Amino acid sequence: MQIRKGTILGFHGSWGSGIGTLEIKDAKTNQVEQVPCENAPTVRSLEAAFGNVITQGHSANGNGYKGKEIFWAYDDMGLVMTAFQPVETADFDLIEAYEKQEDIDEGE
């Protein structure tokens, strides 16, 4: 599993499809990516991690997640985000795994 790092720029989703999209600016490439994710679990996780996400009527109109830096990864098939962790609460093992992965990617 490749660990990624980036800054959340936005979230888009709907109850009907069950799929949401996190807009993330990758820390390494500076490219903005539209990352598919499960809508409801992602909204609940964003609320738990940052607050100010879920608003009246169970909407995800709060902006508590915007500008927050996270580590994240795709599922085993590379289709949807499987998990994320705010950088500010990441433990040493996660940070070390991300950094070692970068060293391997750069051929060091």
N, C-alpha and C. Protein backbone atom coordinates (compact mmCIF):
# COMPACT_ATOMS: atom_id res chain seq x y z
N MET A 1 0.85 -1.18 0.00
CA MET A 1 0.00 0.00 0.00
C MET A 1 0.89 1.24 0.00
N GLN A 2 0.63 2.13 -0.91
CA GLN A 2 1.37 3.38 -0.97
C GLN A 2 0.70 4.43 -0.09
N ILE A 3 1.47 5.03 0.78
CA ILE A 3 0.97 6.09 1.65
C ILE A 3 1.19 7.41 0.93
N ARG A 4 0.15 8.21 0.87
CA ARG A 4 0.22 9.52 0.21
C ARG A 4 0.07 10.61 1.27
N LYS A 5 0.46 11.81 0.93
CA LYS A 5 0.33 12.96 1.83
C LYS A 5 -0.16 14.13 0.99
N GLY A 6 -1.11 14.90 1.55
CA GLY A 6 -1.61 16.03 0.82
C GLY A 6 -2.52 16.91 1.66
N THR A 7 -2.98 17.98 1.05
CA THR A 7 -3.84 18.95 1.70
C THR A 7 -5.24 18.87 1.09
N ILE A 8 -6.24 18.76 1.96
CA ILE A 8 -7.62 18.69 1.48
C ILE A 8 -8.08 20.07 1.02
N LEU A 9 -8.57 20.13 -0.20
CA LEU A 9 -9.08 21.38 -0.75
C LEU A 9 -10.61 21.42 -0.76
N GLY A 10 -11.23 20.24 -0.85
CA GLY A 10 -12.69 20.21 -0.90
C GLY A 10 -13.23 18.81 -0.80
N PHE A 11 -14.54 18.71 -0.64
CA PHE A 11 -15.24 17.43 -0.61
C PHE A 11 -16.54 17.59 -1.36
N HIS A 12 -16.86 16.58 -2.16
CA HIS A 12 -18.11 16.57 -2.92
C HIS A 12 -18.73 15.18 -2.78
N GLY A 13 -20.01 15.12 -2.51
CA GLY A 13 -20.65 13.82 -2.39
C GLY A 13 -22.15 13.95 -2.37
N SER A 14 -22.81 12.80 -2.50
CA SER A 14 -24.28 12.77 -2.42
C SER A 14 -24.71 11.47 -1.78
N TRP A 15 -25.81 11.50 -1.08
CA TRP A 15 -26.32 10.30 -0.44
C TRP A 15 -26.70 9.26 -1.48
N GLY A 16 -27.22 9.70 -2.60
CA GLY A 16 -27.74 8.78 -3.60
C GLY A 16 -26.72 7.80 -4.15
N SER A 17 -25.54 8.29 -4.47
CA SER A 17 -24.54 7.41 -5.10
C SER A 17 -23.74 6.61 -4.08
N GLY A 18 -23.59 7.15 -2.88
CA GLY A 18 -22.75 6.50 -1.88
C GLY A 18 -21.28 6.79 -2.05
N ILE A 19 -20.92 7.44 -3.16
CA ILE A 19 -19.53 7.78 -3.43
C ILE A 19 -19.33 9.28 -3.31
N GLY A 20 -18.25 9.65 -2.65
CA GLY A 20 -17.87 11.04 -2.54
C GLY A 20 -16.51 11.23 -3.19
N THR A 21 -16.06 12.46 -3.22
CA THR A 21 -14.75 12.78 -3.78
C THR A 21 -14.06 13.79 -2.89
N LEU A 22 -12.86 13.43 -2.45
CA LEU A 22 -12.03 14.39 -1.75
C LEU A 22 -11.07 15.00 -2.76
N GLU A 23 -11.01 16.31 -2.77
CA GLU A 23 -10.07 17.01 -3.64
C GLU A 23 -8.82 17.26 -2.80
N ILE A 24 -7.71 16.63 -3.19
CA ILE A 24 -6.48 16.68 -2.41
C ILE A 24 -5.32 17.16 -3.26
N LYS A 25 -4.57 18.13 -2.74
CA LYS A 25 -3.34 18.59 -3.42
C LYS A 25 -2.19 17.77 -2.85
N ASP A 26 -1.57 16.96 -3.71
CA ASP A 26 -0.50 16.06 -3.30
C ASP A 26 0.73 16.86 -2.86
N ALA A 27 1.29 16.49 -1.69
CA ALA A 27 2.44 17.20 -1.13
C ALA A 27 3.70 17.01 -1.96
N LYS A 28 3.81 15.91 -2.64
CA LYS A 28 5.02 15.61 -3.40
C LYS A 28 4.97 16.18 -4.81
N THR A 29 3.83 16.04 -5.48
CA THR A 29 3.72 16.44 -6.89
C THR A 29 3.08 17.81 -7.08
N ASN A 30 2.40 18.31 -6.04
CA ASN A 30 1.61 19.55 -6.10
C ASN A 30 0.44 19.45 -7.08
N GLN A 31 0.11 18.25 -7.52
CA GLN A 31 -1.04 18.04 -8.39
C GLN A 31 -2.31 17.91 -7.55
N VAL A 32 -3.40 18.45 -8.05
CA VAL A 32 -4.69 18.31 -7.38
C VAL A 32 -5.36 17.06 -7.94
N GLU A 33 -5.77 16.18 -7.03
CA GLU A 33 -6.40 14.92 -7.42
C GLU A 33 -7.82 14.85 -6.87
N GLN A 34 -8.69 14.24 -7.64
CA GLN A 34 -10.06 13.95 -7.21
C GLN A 34 -10.05 12.50 -6.73
N VAL A 35 -10.08 12.29 -5.43
CA VAL A 35 -9.92 10.97 -4.84
C VAL A 35 -11.28 10.41 -4.45
N PRO A 36 -11.74 9.34 -5.11
CA PRO A 36 -13.02 8.73 -4.76
C PRO A 36 -12.96 8.13 -3.35
N CYS A 37 -14.09 8.21 -2.65
CA CYS A 37 -14.18 7.68 -1.29
C CYS A 37 -15.63 7.33 -0.99
N GLU A 38 -15.84 6.52 0.04
CA GLU A 38 -17.21 6.20 0.45
C GLU A 38 -17.78 7.44 1.14
N ASN A 39 -18.91 7.91 0.67
CA ASN A 39 -19.46 9.19 1.10
C ASN A 39 -19.70 9.28 2.62
N ALA A 40 -20.61 8.50 3.15
CA ALA A 40 -21.00 8.63 4.57
C ALA A 40 -19.84 8.36 5.53
N PRO A 41 -19.08 7.26 5.36
CA PRO A 41 -17.97 7.03 6.29
C PRO A 41 -16.91 8.13 6.24
N THR A 42 -16.69 8.69 5.06
CA THR A 42 -15.69 9.76 4.94
C THR A 42 -16.17 11.02 5.65
N VAL A 43 -17.44 11.36 5.48
CA VAL A 43 -17.98 12.53 6.17
C VAL A 43 -17.87 12.36 7.69
N ARG A 44 -18.24 11.20 8.18
CA ARG A 44 -18.14 10.95 9.63
C ARG A 44 -16.69 11.00 10.10
N SER A 45 -15.78 10.48 9.30
CA SER A 45 -14.36 10.50 9.67
C SER A 45 -13.80 11.92 9.64
N LEU A 46 -14.20 12.71 8.66
CA LEU A 46 -13.76 14.11 8.61
C LEU A 46 -14.27 14.87 9.83
N GLU A 47 -15.52 14.62 10.19
CA GLU A 47 -16.10 15.27 11.37
C GLU A 47 -15.33 14.87 12.63
N ALA A 48 -15.04 13.59 12.78
CA ALA A 48 -14.32 13.11 13.96
C ALA A 48 -12.91 13.68 14.02
N ALA A 49 -12.27 13.80 12.88
CA ALA A 49 -10.88 14.27 12.84
C ALA A 49 -10.76 15.78 13.01
N PHE A 50 -11.69 16.54 12.40
CA PHE A 50 -11.51 17.99 12.33
C PHE A 50 -12.67 18.81 12.90
N GLY A 51 -13.86 18.23 12.97
CA GLY A 51 -15.03 18.99 13.41
C GLY A 51 -15.49 19.96 12.34
N ASN A 52 -16.64 20.60 12.58
CA ASN A 52 -17.21 21.60 11.67
C ASN A 52 -17.37 21.06 10.25
N VAL A 53 -17.85 19.83 10.12
CA VAL A 53 -18.09 19.24 8.81
C VAL A 53 -19.58 19.00 8.61
N ILE A 54 -20.20 18.28 9.55
CA ILE A 54 -21.62 17.95 9.43
C ILE A 54 -22.45 19.14 9.92
N THR A 55 -23.34 19.58 9.06
CA THR A 55 -24.19 20.73 9.38
C THR A 55 -25.65 20.29 9.46
N GLN A 56 -26.51 21.23 9.73
CA GLN A 56 -27.93 20.94 9.88
C GLN A 56 -28.46 20.15 8.69
N GLY A 57 -29.32 19.18 8.98
CA GLY A 57 -29.88 18.34 7.93
C GLY A 57 -28.92 17.25 7.48
N HIS A 58 -27.92 16.96 8.28
CA HIS A 58 -26.92 15.93 8.00
C HIS A 58 -26.19 16.18 6.69
N SER A 59 -25.93 17.42 6.39
CA SER A 59 -25.16 17.80 5.21
C SER A 59 -23.70 17.96 5.58
N ALA A 60 -22.83 17.87 4.59
CA ALA A 60 -21.39 18.05 4.81
C ALA A 60 -20.97 19.42 4.29
N ASN A 61 -21.64 20.45 4.77
CA ASN A 61 -21.37 21.80 4.28
C ASN A 61 -20.38 22.58 5.12
N GLY A 62 -19.98 22.03 6.26
CA GLY A 62 -18.97 22.71 7.08
C GLY A 62 -17.62 22.64 6.41
N ASN A 63 -16.76 23.56 6.73
CA ASN A 63 -15.46 23.63 6.07
C ASN A 63 -14.31 23.26 7.00
N GLY A 64 -14.58 22.51 8.07
CA GLY A 64 -13.56 22.20 9.05
C GLY A 64 -12.38 21.42 8.51
N TYR A 65 -12.54 20.77 7.39
CA TYR A 65 -11.50 19.93 6.80
C TYR A 65 -10.64 20.67 5.78
N LYS A 66 -11.11 21.79 5.27
CA LYS A 66 -10.38 22.49 4.21
C LYS A 66 -9.04 23.01 4.71
N GLY A 67 -8.01 22.74 3.92
CA GLY A 67 -6.67 23.19 4.26
C GLY A 67 -5.94 22.27 5.23
N LYS A 68 -6.58 21.16 5.62
CA LYS A 68 -5.95 20.23 6.57
C LYS A 68 -5.06 19.25 5.80
N GLU A 69 -3.90 18.97 6.37
CA GLU A 69 -2.95 18.05 5.76
C GLU A 69 -3.18 16.65 6.31
N ILE A 70 -3.21 15.67 5.41
CA ILE A 70 -3.47 14.28 5.81
C ILE A 70 -2.50 13.32 5.12
N PHE A 71 -2.32 12.17 5.75
CA PHE A 71 -1.77 11.00 5.09
C PHE A 71 -2.98 10.20 4.65
N TRP A 72 -2.90 9.56 3.48
CA TRP A 72 -4.03 8.78 3.01
C TRP A 72 -3.55 7.68 2.07
N ALA A 73 -4.43 6.72 1.78
CA ALA A 73 -4.08 5.61 0.89
C ALA A 73 -5.32 5.12 0.16
N TYR A 74 -5.07 4.58 -1.04
CA TYR A 74 -6.12 3.90 -1.80
C TYR A 74 -6.29 2.48 -1.25
N ASP A 75 -7.43 1.87 -1.55
CA ASP A 75 -7.65 0.47 -1.20
C ASP A 75 -6.71 -0.41 -2.04
N ASP A 76 -6.75 -1.72 -1.80
CA ASP A 76 -5.85 -2.65 -2.48
C ASP A 76 -6.01 -2.65 -4.00
N MET A 77 -7.18 -2.30 -4.48
CA MET A 77 -7.42 -2.28 -5.92
C MET A 77 -7.12 -0.91 -6.53
N GLY A 78 -6.85 0.07 -5.68
CA GLY A 78 -6.54 1.41 -6.19
C GLY A 78 -7.74 2.17 -6.70
N LEU A 79 -8.92 1.85 -6.16
CA LEU A 79 -10.15 2.47 -6.67
C LEU A 79 -10.68 3.60 -5.79
N VAL A 80 -10.68 3.39 -4.47
CA VAL A 80 -11.20 4.39 -3.54
C VAL A 80 -10.24 4.56 -2.36
N MET A 81 -10.33 5.70 -1.71
CA MET A 81 -9.52 5.93 -0.53
C MET A 81 -9.96 4.95 0.55
N THR A 82 -9.00 4.31 1.16
CA THR A 82 -9.32 3.34 2.21
C THR A 82 -9.24 3.95 3.60
N ALA A 83 -8.36 4.93 3.78
CA ALA A 83 -8.18 5.53 5.11
C ALA A 83 -7.41 6.84 4.99
N PHE A 84 -7.55 7.67 6.02
CA PHE A 84 -6.72 8.86 6.12
C PHE A 84 -6.39 9.10 7.58
N GLN A 85 -5.34 9.88 7.81
CA GLN A 85 -4.91 10.25 9.15
C GLN A 85 -4.42 11.69 9.10
N PRO A 86 -4.95 12.58 9.94
CA PRO A 86 -4.42 13.94 9.97
C PRO A 86 -2.92 13.91 10.28
N VAL A 87 -2.14 14.69 9.57
CA VAL A 87 -0.69 14.75 9.79
C VAL A 87 -0.39 15.15 11.23
N GLU A 88 -1.17 16.06 11.77
CA GLU A 88 -0.91 16.57 13.12
C GLU A 88 -1.09 15.51 14.21
N THR A 89 -1.80 14.42 13.91
CA THR A 89 -1.98 13.36 14.91
C THR A 89 -1.31 12.04 14.50
N ALA A 90 -0.55 12.07 13.42
CA ALA A 90 0.11 10.84 12.96
C ALA A 90 1.19 10.42 13.94
N ASP A 91 1.30 9.11 14.13
CA ASP A 91 2.34 8.60 15.02
C ASP A 91 3.66 8.45 14.25
N PHE A 92 4.72 8.19 15.01
CA PHE A 92 6.06 8.08 14.46
C PHE A 92 6.13 7.01 13.38
N ASP A 93 5.48 5.87 13.61
CA ASP A 93 5.55 4.76 12.65
C ASP A 93 4.98 5.13 11.29
N LEU A 94 3.87 5.85 11.28
CA LEU A 94 3.27 6.27 10.01
C LEU A 94 4.17 7.26 9.29
N ILE A 95 4.68 8.23 10.02
CA ILE A 95 5.57 9.23 9.41
C ILE A 95 6.81 8.55 8.85
N GLU A 96 7.39 7.64 9.62
CA GLU A 96 8.59 6.93 9.18
C GLU A 96 8.30 6.08 7.94
N ALA A 97 7.16 5.40 7.91
CA ALA A 97 6.79 4.58 6.75
C ALA A 97 6.64 5.46 5.51
N TYR A 98 6.02 6.62 5.66
CA TYR A 98 5.86 7.55 4.53
C TYR A 98 7.22 8.02 4.04
N GLU A 99 8.09 8.42 4.96
CA GLU A 99 9.40 8.94 4.57
C GLU A 99 10.28 7.86 3.94
N LYS A 100 10.27 6.66 4.46
CA LYS A 100 11.04 5.56 3.87
C LYS A 100 10.54 5.25 2.48
N GLN A 101 9.23 5.29 2.30
CA GLN A 101 8.63 5.07 0.99
C GLN A 101 9.11 6.12 0.01
N GLU A 102 9.20 7.38 0.44
CA GLU A 102 9.70 8.44 -0.43
C GLU A 102 11.13 8.17 -0.84
N ASP A 103 11.96 7.69 0.10
CA ASP A 103 13.36 7.39 -0.20
C ASP A 103 13.44 6.31 -1.28
N ILE A 104 12.58 5.28 -1.18
CA ILE A 104 12.56 4.22 -2.17
C ILE A 104 12.11 4.76 -3.51
N ASP A 105 11.06 5.61 -3.52
CA ASP A 105 10.55 6.18 -4.77
C ASP A 105 11.61 7.02 -5.47
N GLU A 106 12.47 7.68 -4.70
CA GLU A 106 13.49 8.55 -5.27
C GLU A 106 14.77 7.79 -5.59
N GLY A 107 14.79 6.48 -5.33
CA GLY A 107 15.93 5.66 -5.67
C GLY A 107 17.11 5.81 -4.72
N GLU A 108 16.85 6.24 -3.49
CA GLU A 108 17.94 6.41 -2.53
C GLU A 108 18.18 5.16 -1.74
